[in-house]
Amino acid sequence: MIDPSYEGRAFPPVSYTIERNKLGEFLRAIGEDNPAYEGDDPPLPPTFATMVMFWGGGGLECVLKQIGIDIQNVLHGEQGYEYLSPAYVGDTITGTTRISRVYERAGMQFVEFLTDYVNQSQTPVLTGRALIIVRE
């Protein structure tokens, strides 16, 4: 059972400087060949923010361990991003994750995480939302 008092808990921020070669690896992994991602100052693809968490600090699995949830008991329910400003190769992106909601429905537990991302100038870049379902 997830303790509802975790609602509002924030986790240490993670940072990652976006490298051109990592962007290339990501584009190959998702099969993206849009020429918009080539050139000297390409934008980042929409789901690249997920990689910031993994390459910068272990991703959602690391956060789950901190609250005693085994990743093997988790179903990924939803993922979404709200883009606030562009991020580019060379930017250092920092994400701070917090638990925004803990609830139970139909005998299942749900935990919603919000991650606010800023760049090296503290400009908000995006907000990410992840919903997980914890199985008993």
N, C-alpha and C. Protein backbone atom coordinates (compact mmCIF):
# COMPACT_ATOMS: atom_id res chain seq x y z
N MET A 1 0.83 -1.18 0.00
CA MET A 1 0.00 0.00 0.00
C MET A 1 0.88 1.25 0.00
N ILE A 2 0.61 2.16 -0.91
CA ILE A 2 1.36 3.40 -0.99
C ILE A 2 0.80 4.37 0.04
N ASP A 3 1.67 4.94 0.82
CA ASP A 3 1.26 5.89 1.86
C ASP A 3 0.81 7.19 1.21
N PRO A 4 -0.46 7.60 1.40
CA PRO A 4 -0.94 8.84 0.81
C PRO A 4 -0.18 10.08 1.27
N SER A 5 0.53 9.97 2.39
CA SER A 5 1.30 11.12 2.87
C SER A 5 2.48 11.44 1.94
N TYR A 6 2.77 10.57 0.99
CA TYR A 6 3.82 10.85 0.00
C TYR A 6 3.40 11.96 -0.97
N GLU A 7 2.12 12.24 -1.04
CA GLU A 7 1.64 13.30 -1.92
C GLU A 7 2.37 14.60 -1.58
N GLY A 8 2.94 15.23 -2.59
CA GLY A 8 3.67 16.47 -2.40
C GLY A 8 5.17 16.27 -2.21
N ARG A 9 5.60 15.04 -1.99
CA ARG A 9 7.03 14.78 -1.77
C ARG A 9 7.82 15.09 -3.04
N ALA A 10 8.91 15.83 -2.87
CA ALA A 10 9.80 16.16 -3.99
C ALA A 10 11.09 15.35 -3.85
N PHE A 11 11.71 15.08 -4.97
CA PHE A 11 12.94 14.29 -5.01
C PHE A 11 14.08 15.18 -5.48
N PRO A 12 15.31 14.80 -5.19
CA PRO A 12 16.44 15.62 -5.62
C PRO A 12 16.43 15.81 -7.13
N PRO A 13 16.78 17.01 -7.59
CA PRO A 13 16.80 17.27 -9.03
C PRO A 13 17.89 16.46 -9.73
N VAL A 14 17.64 16.18 -11.00
CA VAL A 14 18.66 15.54 -11.84
C VAL A 14 18.92 16.46 -13.03
N SER A 15 20.18 16.49 -13.45
CA SER A 15 20.58 17.36 -14.56
C SER A 15 21.29 16.56 -15.63
N TYR A 16 21.14 17.02 -16.85
CA TYR A 16 21.81 16.38 -17.98
C TYR A 16 22.10 17.44 -19.04
N THR A 17 23.34 17.47 -19.50
CA THR A 17 23.69 18.35 -20.62
C THR A 17 23.47 17.57 -21.90
N ILE A 18 22.64 18.10 -22.77
CA ILE A 18 22.25 17.39 -23.98
C ILE A 18 23.41 17.37 -24.97
N GLU A 19 23.83 16.18 -25.31
CA GLU A 19 24.96 15.98 -26.23
C GLU A 19 24.43 15.57 -27.60
N ARG A 20 25.08 16.06 -28.63
CA ARG A 20 24.67 15.76 -30.00
C ARG A 20 24.66 14.25 -30.27
N ASN A 21 25.69 13.55 -29.78
CA ASN A 21 25.74 12.10 -30.05
C ASN A 21 24.60 11.36 -29.36
N LYS A 22 24.18 11.82 -28.17
CA LYS A 22 23.05 11.17 -27.49
C LYS A 22 21.74 11.46 -28.22
N LEU A 23 21.61 12.66 -28.76
CA LEU A 23 20.44 12.97 -29.58
C LEU A 23 20.40 12.04 -30.79
N GLY A 24 21.55 11.84 -31.43
CA GLY A 24 21.63 10.92 -32.57
C GLY A 24 21.25 9.50 -32.20
N GLU A 25 21.74 9.02 -31.06
CA GLU A 25 21.38 7.68 -30.59
C GLU A 25 19.88 7.56 -30.38
N PHE A 26 19.30 8.58 -29.76
CA PHE A 26 17.87 8.57 -29.49
C PHE A 26 17.08 8.54 -30.79
N LEU A 27 17.46 9.39 -31.75
CA LEU A 27 16.76 9.44 -33.03
C LEU A 27 16.83 8.09 -33.76
N ARG A 28 17.99 7.45 -33.71
CA ARG A 28 18.10 6.12 -34.34
C ARG A 28 17.22 5.10 -33.62
N ALA A 29 17.19 5.18 -32.28
CA ALA A 29 16.41 4.21 -31.50
C ALA A 29 14.92 4.30 -31.79
N ILE A 30 14.42 5.50 -32.07
CA ILE A 30 12.98 5.65 -32.33
C ILE A 30 12.68 5.65 -33.83
N GLY A 31 13.73 5.50 -34.67
CA GLY A 31 13.52 5.43 -36.11
C GLY A 31 13.17 6.76 -36.74
N GLU A 32 13.61 7.85 -36.13
CA GLU A 32 13.30 9.19 -36.62
C GLU A 32 14.36 9.66 -37.62
N ASP A 33 13.92 10.06 -38.81
CA ASP A 33 14.87 10.55 -39.82
C ASP A 33 14.46 11.90 -40.40
N ASN A 34 13.67 12.64 -39.65
CA ASN A 34 13.21 13.96 -40.08
C ASN A 34 14.42 14.89 -40.18
N PRO A 35 14.61 15.56 -41.32
CA PRO A 35 15.75 16.46 -41.48
C PRO A 35 15.74 17.66 -40.53
N ALA A 36 14.62 17.93 -39.87
CA ALA A 36 14.56 19.02 -38.91
C ALA A 36 15.53 18.81 -37.75
N TYR A 37 15.89 17.54 -37.49
CA TYR A 37 16.80 17.22 -36.39
C TYR A 37 18.26 17.23 -36.80
N GLU A 38 18.54 17.61 -38.02
CA GLU A 38 19.92 17.72 -38.51
C GLU A 38 20.31 19.19 -38.47
N GLY A 39 21.56 19.47 -38.69
CA GLY A 39 22.01 20.85 -38.72
C GLY A 39 22.71 21.25 -37.44
N ASP A 40 23.01 22.54 -37.35
CA ASP A 40 23.82 23.04 -36.24
C ASP A 40 23.06 23.20 -34.93
N ASP A 41 21.78 23.50 -34.98
CA ASP A 41 21.02 23.78 -33.77
C ASP A 41 19.66 23.09 -33.80
N PRO A 42 19.66 21.75 -33.84
CA PRO A 42 18.38 21.04 -33.98
C PRO A 42 17.54 21.11 -32.70
N PRO A 43 16.22 21.14 -32.83
CA PRO A 43 15.37 21.03 -31.64
C PRO A 43 15.40 19.59 -31.13
N LEU A 44 14.83 19.39 -29.97
CA LEU A 44 14.76 18.04 -29.43
C LEU A 44 13.42 17.42 -29.79
N PRO A 45 13.40 16.10 -30.04
CA PRO A 45 12.13 15.43 -30.32
C PRO A 45 11.23 15.46 -29.08
N PRO A 46 9.93 15.35 -29.27
CA PRO A 46 8.97 15.51 -28.18
C PRO A 46 9.19 14.63 -26.95
N THR A 47 9.64 13.40 -27.12
CA THR A 47 9.76 12.51 -25.96
C THR A 47 11.18 12.45 -25.40
N PHE A 48 12.05 13.32 -25.86
CA PHE A 48 13.45 13.29 -25.41
C PHE A 48 13.58 13.56 -23.91
N ALA A 49 12.64 14.26 -23.33
CA ALA A 49 12.71 14.59 -21.89
C ALA A 49 12.83 13.35 -21.02
N THR A 50 12.24 12.26 -21.45
CA THR A 50 12.35 11.01 -20.69
C THR A 50 13.81 10.60 -20.55
N MET A 51 14.59 10.84 -21.59
CA MET A 51 16.01 10.49 -21.55
C MET A 51 16.79 11.36 -20.57
N VAL A 52 16.36 12.59 -20.39
CA VAL A 52 17.03 13.46 -19.42
C VAL A 52 16.98 12.80 -18.04
N MET A 53 15.85 12.24 -17.68
CA MET A 53 15.72 11.58 -16.38
C MET A 53 16.61 10.34 -16.30
N PHE A 54 16.64 9.54 -17.35
CA PHE A 54 17.45 8.32 -17.31
C PHE A 54 18.94 8.63 -17.32
N TRP A 55 19.38 9.46 -18.24
CA TRP A 55 20.80 9.75 -18.35
C TRP A 55 21.28 10.67 -17.23
N GLY A 56 20.37 11.44 -16.65
CA GLY A 56 20.76 12.37 -15.61
C GLY A 56 20.67 11.82 -14.20
N GLY A 57 19.90 10.73 -14.01
CA GLY A 57 19.78 10.29 -12.63
C GLY A 57 19.03 9.02 -12.36
N GLY A 58 18.82 8.18 -13.32
CA GLY A 58 18.21 6.89 -13.05
C GLY A 58 16.74 6.75 -13.40
N GLY A 59 16.08 7.86 -13.72
CA GLY A 59 14.70 7.78 -14.17
C GLY A 59 13.72 7.49 -13.07
N LEU A 60 12.52 7.15 -13.49
CA LEU A 60 11.43 6.91 -12.56
C LEU A 60 11.73 5.73 -11.63
N GLU A 61 12.46 4.75 -12.12
CA GLU A 61 12.78 3.59 -11.29
C GLU A 61 13.52 4.02 -10.02
N CYS A 62 14.43 4.96 -10.14
CA CYS A 62 15.18 5.46 -8.99
C CYS A 62 14.24 6.13 -7.99
N VAL A 63 13.29 6.92 -8.49
CA VAL A 63 12.31 7.58 -7.62
C VAL A 63 11.44 6.55 -6.93
N LEU A 64 11.01 5.52 -7.67
CA LEU A 64 10.16 4.48 -7.07
C LEU A 64 10.87 3.77 -5.93
N LYS A 65 12.15 3.49 -6.10
CA LYS A 65 12.91 2.82 -5.04
C LYS A 65 12.92 3.65 -3.77
N GLN A 66 12.97 4.97 -3.93
CA GLN A 66 13.03 5.85 -2.76
C GLN A 66 11.75 5.81 -1.93
N ILE A 67 10.64 5.38 -2.53
CA ILE A 67 9.39 5.29 -1.76
C ILE A 67 8.95 3.83 -1.58
N GLY A 68 9.88 2.91 -1.84
CA GLY A 68 9.64 1.51 -1.54
C GLY A 68 8.77 0.75 -2.52
N ILE A 69 8.73 1.20 -3.77
CA ILE A 69 7.95 0.50 -4.79
C ILE A 69 8.89 -0.29 -5.69
N ASP A 70 8.63 -1.57 -5.83
CA ASP A 70 9.41 -2.44 -6.71
C ASP A 70 8.92 -2.25 -8.14
N ILE A 71 9.84 -1.94 -9.05
CA ILE A 71 9.49 -1.68 -10.46
C ILE A 71 8.75 -2.87 -11.08
N GLN A 72 8.96 -4.06 -10.57
CA GLN A 72 8.28 -5.23 -11.12
C GLN A 72 6.78 -5.23 -10.82
N ASN A 73 6.36 -4.39 -9.89
CA ASN A 73 4.94 -4.31 -9.52
C ASN A 73 4.25 -3.09 -10.12
N VAL A 74 4.87 -2.49 -11.13
CA VAL A 74 4.37 -1.24 -11.68
C VAL A 74 3.92 -1.41 -13.12
N LEU A 75 2.77 -0.82 -13.43
CA LEU A 75 2.31 -0.69 -14.80
C LEU A 75 2.38 0.79 -15.15
N HIS A 76 2.87 1.10 -16.33
CA HIS A 76 2.95 2.49 -16.77
C HIS A 76 1.59 2.86 -17.34
N GLY A 77 0.89 3.79 -16.68
CA GLY A 77 -0.46 4.14 -17.09
C GLY A 77 -0.52 5.22 -18.15
N GLU A 78 0.17 6.33 -17.92
CA GLU A 78 0.14 7.46 -18.84
C GLU A 78 1.46 8.21 -18.78
N GLN A 79 1.73 8.95 -19.85
CA GLN A 79 2.88 9.84 -19.91
C GLN A 79 2.48 11.02 -20.77
N GLY A 80 2.81 12.21 -20.32
CA GLY A 80 2.49 13.39 -21.11
C GLY A 80 3.47 14.51 -20.82
N TYR A 81 3.57 15.44 -21.78
CA TYR A 81 4.48 16.58 -21.65
C TYR A 81 3.75 17.86 -22.05
N GLU A 82 4.03 18.92 -21.32
CA GLU A 82 3.58 20.25 -21.70
C GLU A 82 4.84 21.06 -21.98
N TYR A 83 4.98 21.49 -23.23
CA TYR A 83 6.18 22.21 -23.65
C TYR A 83 6.01 23.70 -23.42
N LEU A 84 7.01 24.30 -22.79
CA LEU A 84 6.96 25.71 -22.44
C LEU A 84 7.93 26.55 -23.25
N SER A 85 9.08 25.98 -23.58
CA SER A 85 10.07 26.64 -24.44
C SER A 85 10.99 25.57 -25.01
N PRO A 86 11.66 25.86 -26.15
CA PRO A 86 12.49 24.84 -26.77
C PRO A 86 13.76 24.55 -25.98
N ALA A 87 14.26 23.33 -26.14
CA ALA A 87 15.56 22.94 -25.60
C ALA A 87 16.41 22.48 -26.78
N TYR A 88 17.71 22.69 -26.67
CA TYR A 88 18.62 22.41 -27.78
C TYR A 88 19.85 21.65 -27.31
N VAL A 89 20.56 21.07 -28.25
CA VAL A 89 21.84 20.45 -27.97
C VAL A 89 22.73 21.48 -27.29
N GLY A 90 23.39 21.08 -26.22
CA GLY A 90 24.24 21.97 -25.45
C GLY A 90 23.57 22.52 -24.21
N ASP A 91 22.23 22.49 -24.18
CA ASP A 91 21.52 22.95 -22.99
C ASP A 91 21.70 21.95 -21.85
N THR A 92 21.76 22.47 -20.64
CA THR A 92 21.72 21.62 -19.46
C THR A 92 20.32 21.72 -18.90
N ILE A 93 19.65 20.57 -18.88
CA ILE A 93 18.27 20.49 -18.44
C ILE A 93 18.25 19.86 -17.05
N THR A 94 17.52 20.47 -16.15
CA THR A 94 17.38 19.94 -14.79
C THR A 94 15.90 19.67 -14.54
N GLY A 95 15.64 18.45 -14.09
CA GLY A 95 14.27 18.04 -13.79
C GLY A 95 14.09 17.78 -12.31
N THR A 96 13.02 18.33 -11.74
CA THR A 96 12.68 18.07 -10.35
C THR A 96 11.33 17.39 -10.32
N THR A 97 11.31 16.19 -9.75
CA THR A 97 10.10 15.37 -9.73
C THR A 97 9.45 15.43 -8.35
N ARG A 98 8.13 15.46 -8.37
CA ARG A 98 7.36 15.39 -7.12
C ARG A 98 6.15 14.48 -7.34
N ILE A 99 5.65 13.93 -6.26
CA ILE A 99 4.43 13.13 -6.31
C ILE A 99 3.27 14.10 -6.18
N SER A 100 2.44 14.16 -7.20
CA SER A 100 1.34 15.11 -7.18
C SER A 100 0.04 14.51 -6.67
N ARG A 101 -0.07 13.18 -6.76
CA ARG A 101 -1.33 12.57 -6.34
C ARG A 101 -1.12 11.08 -6.06
N VAL A 102 -1.75 10.59 -5.01
CA VAL A 102 -1.77 9.17 -4.66
C VAL A 102 -3.23 8.83 -4.40
N TYR A 103 -3.74 7.81 -5.10
CA TYR A 103 -5.14 7.44 -4.87
C TYR A 103 -5.36 5.98 -5.22
N GLU A 104 -6.50 5.49 -4.80
CA GLU A 104 -6.88 4.11 -5.08
C GLU A 104 -8.21 4.12 -5.82
N ARG A 105 -8.32 3.23 -6.78
CA ARG A 105 -9.55 3.09 -7.55
C ARG A 105 -9.65 1.63 -8.01
N ALA A 106 -10.83 1.07 -7.83
CA ALA A 106 -11.11 -0.31 -8.26
C ALA A 106 -10.07 -1.29 -7.72
N GLY A 107 -9.63 -1.05 -6.48
CA GLY A 107 -8.68 -1.96 -5.85
C GLY A 107 -7.25 -1.82 -6.33
N MET A 108 -6.97 -0.80 -7.14
CA MET A 108 -5.60 -0.56 -7.62
C MET A 108 -5.10 0.78 -7.09
N GLN A 109 -3.80 0.87 -6.91
CA GLN A 109 -3.19 2.11 -6.43
C GLN A 109 -2.58 2.87 -7.60
N PHE A 110 -2.77 4.18 -7.59
CA PHE A 110 -2.26 5.05 -8.65
C PHE A 110 -1.36 6.10 -8.01
N VAL A 111 -0.24 6.37 -8.67
CA VAL A 111 0.68 7.42 -8.22
C VAL A 111 0.99 8.29 -9.43
N GLU A 112 0.75 9.58 -9.28
CA GLU A 112 1.03 10.53 -10.36
C GLU A 112 2.26 11.36 -9.98
N PHE A 113 3.19 11.42 -10.93
CA PHE A 113 4.42 12.19 -10.75
C PHE A 113 4.42 13.36 -11.72
N LEU A 114 4.84 14.53 -11.24
CA LEU A 114 5.05 15.69 -12.10
C LEU A 114 6.53 16.05 -12.03
N THR A 115 7.11 16.33 -13.20
CA THR A 115 8.50 16.75 -13.25
C THR A 115 8.57 18.08 -13.98
N ASP A 116 9.13 19.06 -13.30
CA ASP A 116 9.34 20.38 -13.90
C ASP A 116 10.78 20.46 -14.37
N TYR A 117 10.96 20.82 -15.64
CA TYR A 117 12.28 20.91 -16.25
C TYR A 117 12.62 22.37 -16.54
N VAL A 118 13.85 22.76 -16.20
CA VAL A 118 14.35 24.09 -16.53
C VAL A 118 15.69 23.94 -17.24
N ASN A 119 16.08 24.98 -17.99
CA ASN A 119 17.39 24.95 -18.63
C ASN A 119 18.42 25.64 -17.74
N GLN A 120 19.62 25.78 -18.26
CA GLN A 120 20.72 26.35 -17.49
C GLN A 120 20.48 27.80 -17.07
N SER A 121 19.54 28.48 -17.70
CA SER A 121 19.18 29.85 -17.32
C SER A 121 17.97 29.89 -16.39
N GLN A 122 17.55 28.71 -15.91
CA GLN A 122 16.37 28.56 -15.06
C GLN A 122 15.07 28.89 -15.79
N THR A 123 15.11 28.88 -17.13
CA THR A 123 13.91 29.07 -17.93
C THR A 123 13.13 27.77 -17.95
N PRO A 124 11.85 27.77 -17.59
CA PRO A 124 11.05 26.54 -17.67
C PRO A 124 11.00 26.04 -19.11
N VAL A 125 11.31 24.75 -19.28
CA VAL A 125 11.33 24.13 -20.61
C VAL A 125 10.08 23.28 -20.82
N LEU A 126 9.74 22.47 -19.83
CA LEU A 126 8.55 21.64 -19.96
C LEU A 126 8.17 21.07 -18.62
N THR A 127 6.96 20.54 -18.57
CA THR A 127 6.48 19.79 -17.43
C THR A 127 6.09 18.41 -17.93
N GLY A 128 6.58 17.39 -17.24
CA GLY A 128 6.24 16.02 -17.59
C GLY A 128 5.32 15.42 -16.54
N ARG A 129 4.40 14.59 -16.99
CA ARG A 129 3.47 13.92 -16.08
C ARG A 129 3.53 12.43 -16.36
N ALA A 130 3.68 11.64 -15.31
CA ALA A 130 3.67 10.19 -15.43
C ALA A 130 2.70 9.61 -14.42
N LEU A 131 1.90 8.67 -14.84
CA LEU A 131 0.97 7.98 -13.97
C LEU A 131 1.34 6.51 -13.95
N ILE A 132 1.53 5.99 -12.75
CA ILE A 132 1.83 4.56 -12.64
C ILE A 132 0.74 3.88 -11.82
N ILE A 133 0.57 2.61 -12.09
CA ILE A 133 -0.38 1.77 -11.37
C ILE A 133 0.46 0.74 -10.63
N VAL A 134 0.25 0.64 -9.32
CA VAL A 134 1.03 -0.29 -8.51
C VAL A 134 0.18 -1.52 -8.24
N ARG A 135 0.70 -2.66 -8.69
CA ARG A 135 0.00 -3.92 -8.46
C ARG A 135 0.43 -4.48 -7.11
N GLU A 136 -0.45 -5.20 -6.48
CA GLU A 136 -0.12 -5.84 -5.19
C GLU A 136 0.83 -6.99 -5.43
